[in-house]
Amino acid sequence: MNRLISIELQKIWKNKASKVLTLTYFILLSFIALIASIKFDLGIFKFHLAEMGIFNFPFIWHFNTYIAAWLKFFLAIVIVSMMANEYSYGTLKQNLIDGLSKKEFVLSKFLTVILFALGSTVFVFVMSLILGLCFSSYNEFDVILMDLDYLLAFFVKLTGFFSFCLFLGILVKRSAFALGFLLVWLFIESIARGVLAFWVFPNSNIDEKITQFFPLEAMSNLIVEPFTRLSVIKTIGTQMGVENVKDYSVDYFSVLIVLVWTFLFVYFSYKLLKKRDL
């Protein structure tokens, strides 16, 4: 297993574009800390994000994982390019000639996916812990440990998304087309949601029960938006007569759905590679 991961990391590190994108991803993740320095002082109107409670425990786990998840597209490019380069440079065929089985090849890619997701999760955990200890109004140990399941949801979300990108990279062979297919699939899901919500089931939530099984929708459902959870937003909503009944907790049924999709993406990646004449 260590040998497989070592081979993949060497390929990524020796590719200048992949190396730059990976470093850019983790640098941008660290920029979340700069949110604490955002201040607006316009006379009577003063706005300081850190004082709004976004870095309070346990809310910080929700906020940071949600924001960090948007940056996953940088590593998605790396994953897709990683597969495209295998075809372009002939390293896939060479690896198979050198004795690496197709099963081991797919496993090596999936282990890289796991490593990226795990590394991102640990990075977000450490960064959030430091920010929380610096800015949070609540530093009790039991409060700090609350809502850590957002980190689990973050890890599962990245693993599922990167596995999807891996499958597309094997399916399409070209990084640009694979990323294009990803966008097309996003549009397909969006259109399907709209049709089900406004035309087929306009007066019920049956559309949500159906679309929760879509791969990208299931990943999106893992971590819902955190902004309306802030007390200042709730206060504004209450003054406007808007009652907030949204459930912000991690939906473990969505976790299960994404895990099933992850298995399917990896399984079909192997089946596709197994049948393909290289």
Protein backbone atom coordinates (compact mmCIF):
# COMPACT_ATOMS: atom_id res chain seq x y z
CA MET A 1 0.00 0.00 0.00
CA ASN A 2 2.82 2.38 0.87
CA ARG A 3 4.47 1.52 -2.44
CA LEU A 4 1.31 2.42 -4.37
CA ILE A 5 0.91 5.75 -2.61
CA SER A 6 4.60 6.54 -3.06
CA ILE A 7 4.34 5.95 -6.83
CA GLU A 8 1.35 8.30 -7.15
CA LEU A 9 2.84 11.05 -5.01
CA GLN A 10 6.01 11.01 -7.09
CA LYS A 11 3.95 11.38 -10.27
CA ILE A 12 2.05 14.34 -8.81
CA TRP A 13 5.11 16.06 -7.37
CA LYS A 14 7.08 15.72 -10.59
CA ASN A 15 4.25 17.32 -12.55
CA LYS A 16 4.65 21.08 -12.20
CA ALA A 17 0.97 21.94 -12.79
CA SER A 18 -0.26 19.36 -10.26
CA LYS A 19 2.29 20.52 -7.70
CA VAL A 20 1.27 24.17 -8.10
CA LEU A 21 -2.46 23.37 -7.87
CA THR A 22 -1.98 21.24 -4.76
CA LEU A 23 0.07 23.91 -3.00
CA THR A 24 -2.41 26.60 -4.10
CA TYR A 25 -5.26 24.57 -2.63
CA PHE A 26 -3.69 24.32 0.84
CA ILE A 27 -2.56 27.97 0.74
CA LEU A 28 -6.13 29.06 -0.07
CA LEU A 29 -7.43 26.89 2.77
CA SER A 30 -5.19 28.82 5.16
CA PHE A 31 -6.66 32.09 3.84
CA ILE A 32 -9.86 31.26 5.74
CA ALA A 33 -7.99 32.65 8.73
CA LEU A 34 -7.89 36.06 7.01
CA ILE A 35 -11.66 36.29 7.40
CA ALA A 36 -10.97 37.19 11.02
CA SER A 37 -9.27 40.41 9.90
CA ILE A 38 -12.19 41.66 7.76
CA LYS A 39 -13.54 44.87 9.30
CA PHE A 40 -15.77 47.64 8.01
CA ASP A 41 -16.12 50.89 9.92
CA LEU A 42 -18.52 53.29 8.20
CA GLY A 43 -19.61 55.72 10.87
CA ILE A 44 -22.37 54.13 12.92
CA PHE A 45 -22.13 50.93 10.87
CA LYS A 46 -19.37 48.65 12.11
CA PHE A 47 -18.85 45.17 10.76
CA HIS A 48 -16.32 42.67 12.08
CA LEU A 49 -16.77 39.07 11.00
CA ALA A 50 -14.80 37.57 13.88
CA GLU A 51 -17.09 39.33 16.37
CA MET A 52 -20.18 37.85 14.69
CA GLY A 53 -19.28 34.48 16.18
CA ILE A 54 -18.13 32.62 13.06
CA PHE A 55 -15.07 31.39 14.96
CA ASN A 56 -16.97 30.36 18.07
CA PHE A 57 -16.94 26.71 19.07
CA PRO A 58 -18.74 24.62 17.94
CA PHE A 59 -20.00 26.77 15.01
CA ILE A 60 -16.48 27.05 13.57
CA TRP A 61 -16.48 23.36 12.58
CA HIS A 62 -19.59 23.96 10.48
CA PHE A 63 -18.43 27.25 8.96
CA ASN A 64 -14.87 26.24 8.06
CA THR A 65 -15.78 22.87 6.54
CA TYR A 66 -18.48 24.52 4.43
CA ILE A 67 -16.12 27.22 3.13
CA ALA A 68 -13.22 24.79 2.63
CA ALA A 69 -15.43 22.42 0.60
CA TRP A 70 -15.78 25.08 -2.12
CA LEU A 71 -12.05 24.89 -2.76
CA LYS A 72 -12.16 21.19 -3.61
CA PHE A 73 -12.21 22.01 -7.33
CA PHE A 74 -8.47 22.75 -7.21
CA LEU A 75 -7.73 19.17 -6.18
CA ALA A 76 -10.41 17.94 -8.60
CA ILE A 77 -8.26 19.32 -11.43
CA VAL A 78 -5.26 17.48 -9.98
CA ILE A 79 -7.20 14.18 -9.78
CA VAL A 80 -8.52 14.48 -13.35
CA SER A 81 -5.13 15.57 -14.71
CA MET A 82 -3.51 12.70 -12.85
CA MET A 83 -5.53 10.24 -14.93
CA ALA A 84 -5.21 12.20 -18.19
CA ASN A 85 -1.41 12.22 -17.83
CA GLU A 86 -1.41 8.43 -17.45
CA TYR A 87 -2.84 8.16 -20.96
CA SER A 88 -0.91 11.07 -22.48
CA TYR A 89 2.52 10.01 -21.21
CA GLY A 90 1.93 6.26 -21.48
CA THR A 91 2.75 5.70 -17.80
CA LEU A 92 -0.39 3.59 -17.34
CA LYS A 93 0.75 1.07 -19.94
CA GLN A 94 4.29 1.16 -18.57
CA ASN A 95 3.07 0.51 -15.02
CA LEU A 96 1.12 -2.51 -16.23
CA ILE A 97 4.14 -3.80 -18.15
CA ASP A 98 6.25 -3.39 -14.99
CA GLY A 99 3.91 -5.74 -13.13
CA LEU A 100 1.27 -3.44 -11.61
CA SER A 101 -2.18 -5.01 -12.02
CA LYS A 102 -5.17 -2.92 -13.10
CA LYS A 103 -6.71 -3.51 -9.67
CA GLU A 104 -3.57 -2.17 -7.98
CA PHE A 105 -3.52 0.77 -10.38
CA VAL A 106 -7.09 1.83 -9.48
CA LEU A 107 -6.34 1.18 -5.81
CA SER A 108 -3.30 3.46 -5.99
CA LYS A 109 -5.46 6.25 -7.42
CA PHE A 110 -8.15 5.73 -4.79
CA LEU A 111 -5.56 5.75 -2.00
CA THR A 112 -4.35 9.09 -3.37
CA VAL A 113 -7.96 10.33 -3.24
CA ILE A 114 -8.18 9.19 0.40
CA LEU A 115 -4.86 10.86 1.18
CA PHE A 116 -5.98 14.19 -0.33
CA ALA A 117 -9.30 14.06 1.55
CA LEU A 118 -7.64 13.08 4.83
CA GLY A 119 -4.91 15.70 4.46
CA SER A 120 -7.53 18.38 3.79
CA THR A 121 -9.57 17.28 6.81
CA VAL A 122 -6.58 17.32 9.17
CA PHE A 123 -5.53 20.73 7.81
CA VAL A 124 -9.01 22.19 8.37
CA PHE A 125 -9.17 20.62 11.85
CA VAL A 126 -5.85 22.13 12.97
CA MET A 127 -6.62 25.53 11.44
CA SER A 128 -10.12 25.62 12.97
CA LEU A 129 -8.81 24.57 16.36
CA ILE A 130 -6.21 27.37 16.35
CA LEU A 131 -8.73 29.99 15.18
CA GLY A 132 -11.29 28.82 17.69
CA LEU A 133 -8.86 28.94 20.60
CA CYS A 134 -7.87 32.47 19.54
CA PHE A 135 -11.32 33.96 18.86
CA SER A 136 -14.02 31.74 20.36
CA SER A 137 -16.03 33.01 23.31
CA TYR A 138 -16.54 29.42 24.44
CA ASN A 139 -13.44 27.35 25.09
CA GLU A 140 -14.83 24.64 27.36
CA PHE A 141 -13.53 21.20 26.37
CA ASP A 142 -16.97 19.67 25.87
CA VAL A 143 -18.03 22.65 23.69
CA ILE A 144 -14.90 22.29 21.53
CA LEU A 145 -15.73 18.63 20.91
CA MET A 146 -19.30 19.37 19.85
CA ASP A 147 -20.19 19.12 16.13
CA LEU A 148 -16.95 17.41 15.16
CA ASP A 149 -19.06 15.25 12.86
CA TYR A 150 -18.80 18.11 10.34
CA LEU A 151 -15.19 17.00 9.84
CA LEU A 152 -16.41 13.48 9.09
CA ALA A 153 -18.93 14.91 6.61
CA PHE A 154 -16.16 17.00 5.05
CA PHE A 155 -13.92 13.95 4.64
CA VAL A 156 -16.71 11.86 3.11
CA LYS A 157 -17.68 14.74 0.81
CA LEU A 158 -14.16 15.16 -0.55
CA THR A 159 -13.66 11.41 -0.90
CA GLY A 160 -16.89 11.05 -2.85
CA PHE A 161 -16.22 14.05 -5.08
CA PHE A 162 -12.62 13.07 -5.85
CA SER A 163 -13.75 9.49 -6.59
CA PHE A 164 -16.24 10.92 -9.08
CA CYS A 165 -13.42 12.92 -10.68
CA LEU A 166 -11.27 9.78 -10.79
CA PHE A 167 -14.04 7.91 -12.59
CA LEU A 168 -14.48 10.75 -15.09
CA GLY A 169 -10.72 10.86 -15.68
CA ILE A 170 -10.70 7.16 -16.56
CA LEU A 171 -13.90 7.42 -18.60
CA VAL A 172 -13.01 10.45 -20.73
CA LYS A 173 -9.16 10.26 -20.76
CA ARG A 174 -8.76 14.03 -21.33
CA SER A 175 -8.76 16.40 -18.35
CA ALA A 176 -10.57 19.25 -20.12
CA PHE A 177 -13.35 16.97 -21.35
CA ALA A 178 -13.61 15.26 -17.96
CA LEU A 179 -14.02 18.61 -16.17
CA GLY A 180 -16.50 19.62 -18.85
CA PHE A 181 -18.47 16.44 -18.23
CA LEU A 182 -18.47 17.29 -14.51
CA LEU A 183 -20.07 20.66 -15.27
CA VAL A 184 -22.57 19.03 -17.63
CA TRP A 185 -23.54 16.56 -14.91
CA LEU A 186 -24.00 19.46 -12.50
CA PHE A 187 -26.36 21.12 -14.97
CA ILE A 188 -28.23 17.84 -15.50
CA GLU A 189 -28.83 17.49 -11.76
CA SER A 190 -29.88 21.15 -11.49
CA ILE A 191 -32.34 20.83 -14.37
CA ALA A 192 -33.73 17.57 -12.94
CA ARG A 193 -34.21 19.23 -9.54
CA GLY A 194 -36.04 22.14 -11.15
CA VAL A 195 -38.31 19.90 -13.23
CA LEU A 196 -39.20 17.73 -10.24
CA ALA A 197 -39.72 20.69 -7.90
CA PHE A 198 -41.77 22.99 -10.15
CA TRP A 199 -43.46 20.71 -12.68
CA VAL A 200 -43.78 17.16 -11.38
CA PHE A 201 -44.17 17.67 -7.59
CA PRO A 202 -44.87 21.41 -7.16
CA ASN A 203 -46.86 21.07 -3.93
CA SER A 204 -44.80 18.55 -2.00
CA ASN A 205 -41.27 17.69 -0.96
CA ILE A 206 -41.19 14.43 -2.92
CA ASP A 207 -38.65 16.04 -5.27
CA GLU A 208 -36.20 16.38 -2.37
CA LYS A 209 -36.65 12.72 -1.44
CA ILE A 210 -35.73 11.78 -5.01
CA THR A 211 -32.89 14.24 -5.67
CA GLN A 212 -31.15 13.35 -2.39
CA PHE A 213 -29.92 10.23 -4.20
CA PHE A 214 -28.19 12.22 -6.95
CA PRO A 215 -24.41 12.04 -6.40
CA LEU A 216 -23.57 15.76 -6.36
CA GLU A 217 -26.78 16.60 -4.50
CA ALA A 218 -25.99 14.00 -1.85
CA MET A 219 -22.52 15.51 -1.41
CA SER A 220 -24.05 18.97 -1.15
CA ASN A 221 -26.49 17.78 1.52
CA LEU A 222 -23.66 16.64 3.78
CA ILE A 223 -22.88 20.19 4.94
CA VAL A 224 -25.72 22.71 4.62
CA GLU A 225 -25.01 26.45 4.48
CA PRO A 226 -24.12 27.81 7.94
CA PHE A 227 -24.83 31.54 7.52
CA THR A 228 -28.50 31.53 8.58
CA ARG A 229 -27.38 29.75 11.74
CA LEU A 230 -25.61 32.91 12.99
CA SER A 231 -27.45 34.69 15.80
CA VAL A 232 -27.34 38.05 14.00
CA ILE A 233 -29.00 36.52 10.91
CA LYS A 234 -31.58 34.77 13.10
CA THR A 235 -32.36 38.08 14.81
CA ILE A 236 -32.91 39.82 11.46
CA GLY A 237 -35.11 36.95 10.32
CA THR A 238 -37.18 37.10 13.49
CA GLN A 239 -37.68 40.85 13.10
CA MET A 240 -38.86 40.24 9.55
CA GLY A 241 -41.24 37.54 10.71
CA VAL A 242 -39.30 34.72 9.05
CA GLU A 243 -39.11 31.55 11.12
CA ASN A 244 -35.98 29.45 10.60
CA VAL A 245 -36.68 25.73 11.00
CA LYS A 246 -33.70 24.44 9.00
CA ASP A 247 -31.86 21.41 10.31
CA TYR A 248 -28.13 22.16 10.29
CA SER A 249 -26.92 18.81 11.64
CA VAL A 250 -25.00 16.30 9.56
CA ASP A 251 -27.41 13.96 7.77
CA TYR A 252 -26.00 10.46 8.19
CA PHE A 253 -28.33 9.11 5.53
CA SER A 254 -26.58 11.44 3.07
CA VAL A 255 -23.26 10.12 4.39
CA LEU A 256 -24.40 6.60 3.54
CA ILE A 257 -25.55 7.67 0.06
CA VAL A 258 -22.20 9.32 -0.69
CA LEU A 259 -20.30 6.27 0.57
CA VAL A 260 -22.35 4.06 -1.76
CA TRP A 261 -21.62 6.41 -4.69
CA THR A 262 -17.92 6.38 -3.76
CA PHE A 263 -17.87 2.60 -3.91
CA LEU A 264 -19.68 2.64 -7.26
CA PHE A 265 -17.30 5.22 -8.75
CA VAL A 266 -14.24 3.19 -7.74
CA TYR A 267 -15.85 -0.11 -8.79
CA PHE A 268 -16.82 1.16 -12.24
CA SER A 269 -13.42 2.80 -12.63
CA TYR A 270 -11.87 -0.64 -12.21
CA LYS A 271 -14.42 -2.33 -14.48
CA LEU A 272 -13.89 0.30 -17.17
CA LEU A 273 -10.12 -0.01 -17.00
CA LYS A 274 -10.33 -3.80 -16.95
CA LYS A 275 -12.36 -3.93 -20.16
CA ARG A 276 -10.43 -1.23 -21.96
CA ASP A 277 -7.71 -2.22 -24.40
CA LEU A 278 -4.66 -0.19 -23.45
